[in-house]
N, C-alpha and C. Protein backbone atom coordinates (compact mmCIF):
# COMPACT_ATOMS: atom_id res chain seq x y z
N UNK A 1 -45.84 52.25 -180.15
CA UNK A 1 -46.39 52.85 -181.35
C UNK A 1 -47.39 51.89 -181.98
N UNK A 2 -48.59 52.37 -182.21
CA UNK A 2 -49.64 51.60 -182.86
C UNK A 2 -50.00 52.32 -184.15
N UNK A 3 -49.75 51.71 -185.32
CA UNK A 3 -49.99 52.39 -186.60
C UNK A 3 -51.42 52.94 -186.77
N UNK A 4 -52.43 52.24 -186.30
CA UNK A 4 -53.81 52.70 -186.45
C UNK A 4 -54.20 53.71 -185.38
N UNK A 5 -53.31 53.98 -184.44
CA UNK A 5 -53.54 54.94 -183.35
C UNK A 5 -54.65 54.52 -182.38
N UNK A 6 -54.99 53.23 -182.37
CA UNK A 6 -56.00 52.73 -181.43
C UNK A 6 -55.91 51.21 -181.40
N UNK A 7 -56.49 50.62 -180.40
CA UNK A 7 -56.57 49.17 -180.32
C UNK A 7 -57.81 48.70 -181.06
N UNK A 8 -57.77 47.47 -181.54
CA UNK A 8 -58.91 46.91 -182.26
C UNK A 8 -60.07 46.63 -181.32
N UNK A 9 -61.25 46.82 -181.86
CA UNK A 9 -62.45 46.56 -181.08
C UNK A 9 -62.94 45.13 -181.24
N UNK A 10 -63.81 44.72 -180.35
CA UNK A 10 -64.38 43.37 -180.41
C UNK A 10 -65.05 43.09 -181.74
N UNK A 11 -65.77 44.08 -182.27
CA UNK A 11 -66.47 43.89 -183.54
C UNK A 11 -65.50 43.63 -184.69
N UNK A 12 -64.35 44.29 -184.67
CA UNK A 12 -63.36 44.10 -185.73
C UNK A 12 -62.75 42.70 -185.67
N UNK A 13 -62.48 42.22 -184.49
CA UNK A 13 -61.95 40.86 -184.35
C UNK A 13 -63.01 39.82 -184.69
N UNK A 14 -64.25 40.09 -184.27
CA UNK A 14 -65.34 39.17 -184.57
C UNK A 14 -65.57 39.06 -186.07
N UNK A 15 -65.46 40.18 -186.78
CA UNK A 15 -65.63 40.17 -188.23
C UNK A 15 -64.58 39.30 -188.91
N UNK A 16 -63.34 39.37 -188.44
CA UNK A 16 -62.27 38.55 -189.02
C UNK A 16 -62.54 37.06 -188.78
N UNK A 17 -62.99 36.71 -187.59
CA UNK A 17 -63.29 35.31 -187.28
C UNK A 17 -64.46 34.82 -188.13
N UNK A 18 -65.49 35.63 -188.27
CA UNK A 18 -66.64 35.23 -189.09
C UNK A 18 -66.24 35.07 -190.55
N UNK A 19 -65.35 35.93 -191.03
CA UNK A 19 -64.87 35.81 -192.41
C UNK A 19 -64.14 34.48 -192.60
N UNK A 20 -63.24 34.15 -191.68
CA UNK A 20 -62.49 32.90 -191.81
C UNK A 20 -63.38 31.67 -191.69
N UNK A 21 -64.48 31.77 -190.95
CA UNK A 21 -65.39 30.65 -190.77
C UNK A 21 -66.45 30.57 -191.87
N UNK A 22 -66.48 31.53 -192.77
CA UNK A 22 -67.53 31.59 -193.79
C UNK A 22 -67.21 30.66 -194.97
N UNK A 23 -68.23 30.30 -195.72
CA UNK A 23 -68.02 29.47 -196.91
C UNK A 23 -67.16 30.17 -197.97
N UNK A 24 -67.08 31.48 -197.92
CA UNK A 24 -66.30 32.23 -198.90
C UNK A 24 -64.81 31.95 -198.85
N UNK A 25 -64.35 31.34 -197.77
CA UNK A 25 -62.92 31.03 -197.65
C UNK A 25 -62.63 29.55 -197.90
N UNK A 26 -63.57 28.84 -198.50
CA UNK A 26 -63.39 27.40 -198.70
C UNK A 26 -62.23 27.07 -199.64
N UNK A 27 -61.81 28.00 -200.48
CA UNK A 27 -60.71 27.75 -201.42
C UNK A 27 -59.39 28.31 -200.90
N UNK A 28 -59.39 28.92 -199.74
CA UNK A 28 -58.17 29.48 -199.15
C UNK A 28 -57.43 28.39 -198.37
N UNK A 29 -56.12 28.33 -198.57
CA UNK A 29 -55.29 27.40 -197.81
C UNK A 29 -54.02 28.11 -197.37
N UNK A 30 -53.60 27.89 -196.15
CA UNK A 30 -52.35 28.43 -195.66
C UNK A 30 -52.29 29.94 -195.58
N UNK A 31 -53.39 30.58 -195.25
CA UNK A 31 -53.44 32.04 -195.19
C UNK A 31 -53.22 32.51 -193.76
N UNK A 32 -52.41 33.53 -193.62
CA UNK A 32 -52.24 34.18 -192.32
C UNK A 32 -52.92 35.55 -192.40
N UNK A 33 -53.96 35.72 -191.64
CA UNK A 33 -54.70 36.98 -191.63
C UNK A 33 -54.30 37.76 -190.38
N UNK A 34 -53.47 38.76 -190.56
CA UNK A 34 -53.02 39.58 -189.43
C UNK A 34 -54.07 40.64 -189.12
N UNK A 35 -54.73 40.49 -188.01
CA UNK A 35 -55.71 41.47 -187.55
C UNK A 35 -55.06 42.19 -186.37
N UNK A 36 -54.14 43.09 -186.71
CA UNK A 36 -53.32 43.71 -185.67
C UNK A 36 -53.18 45.22 -185.84
N UNK A 37 -53.98 45.82 -186.69
CA UNK A 37 -53.93 47.27 -186.86
C UNK A 37 -52.65 47.78 -187.50
N UNK A 38 -51.95 46.92 -188.21
CA UNK A 38 -50.72 47.33 -188.88
C UNK A 38 -49.45 47.09 -188.08
N UNK A 39 -49.57 46.43 -186.94
CA UNK A 39 -48.43 46.22 -186.06
C UNK A 39 -47.30 45.46 -186.76
N UNK A 40 -47.64 44.47 -187.60
CA UNK A 40 -46.63 43.67 -188.30
C UNK A 40 -45.83 44.53 -189.27
N UNK A 41 -46.42 45.58 -189.80
CA UNK A 41 -45.74 46.42 -190.79
C UNK A 41 -44.73 47.37 -190.18
N UNK A 42 -44.65 47.43 -188.87
CA UNK A 42 -43.71 48.34 -188.21
C UNK A 42 -42.33 47.73 -188.22
């Protein structure tokens, strides 16, 4: 069972990586960003 009813695409994963590498996350510490289409919520 996949909550989003599909697997994540390359662009979606790339966007998450670019977000974490951006200057906008300079004040974030100890964050876990689950890019799993809701799998953890099952």
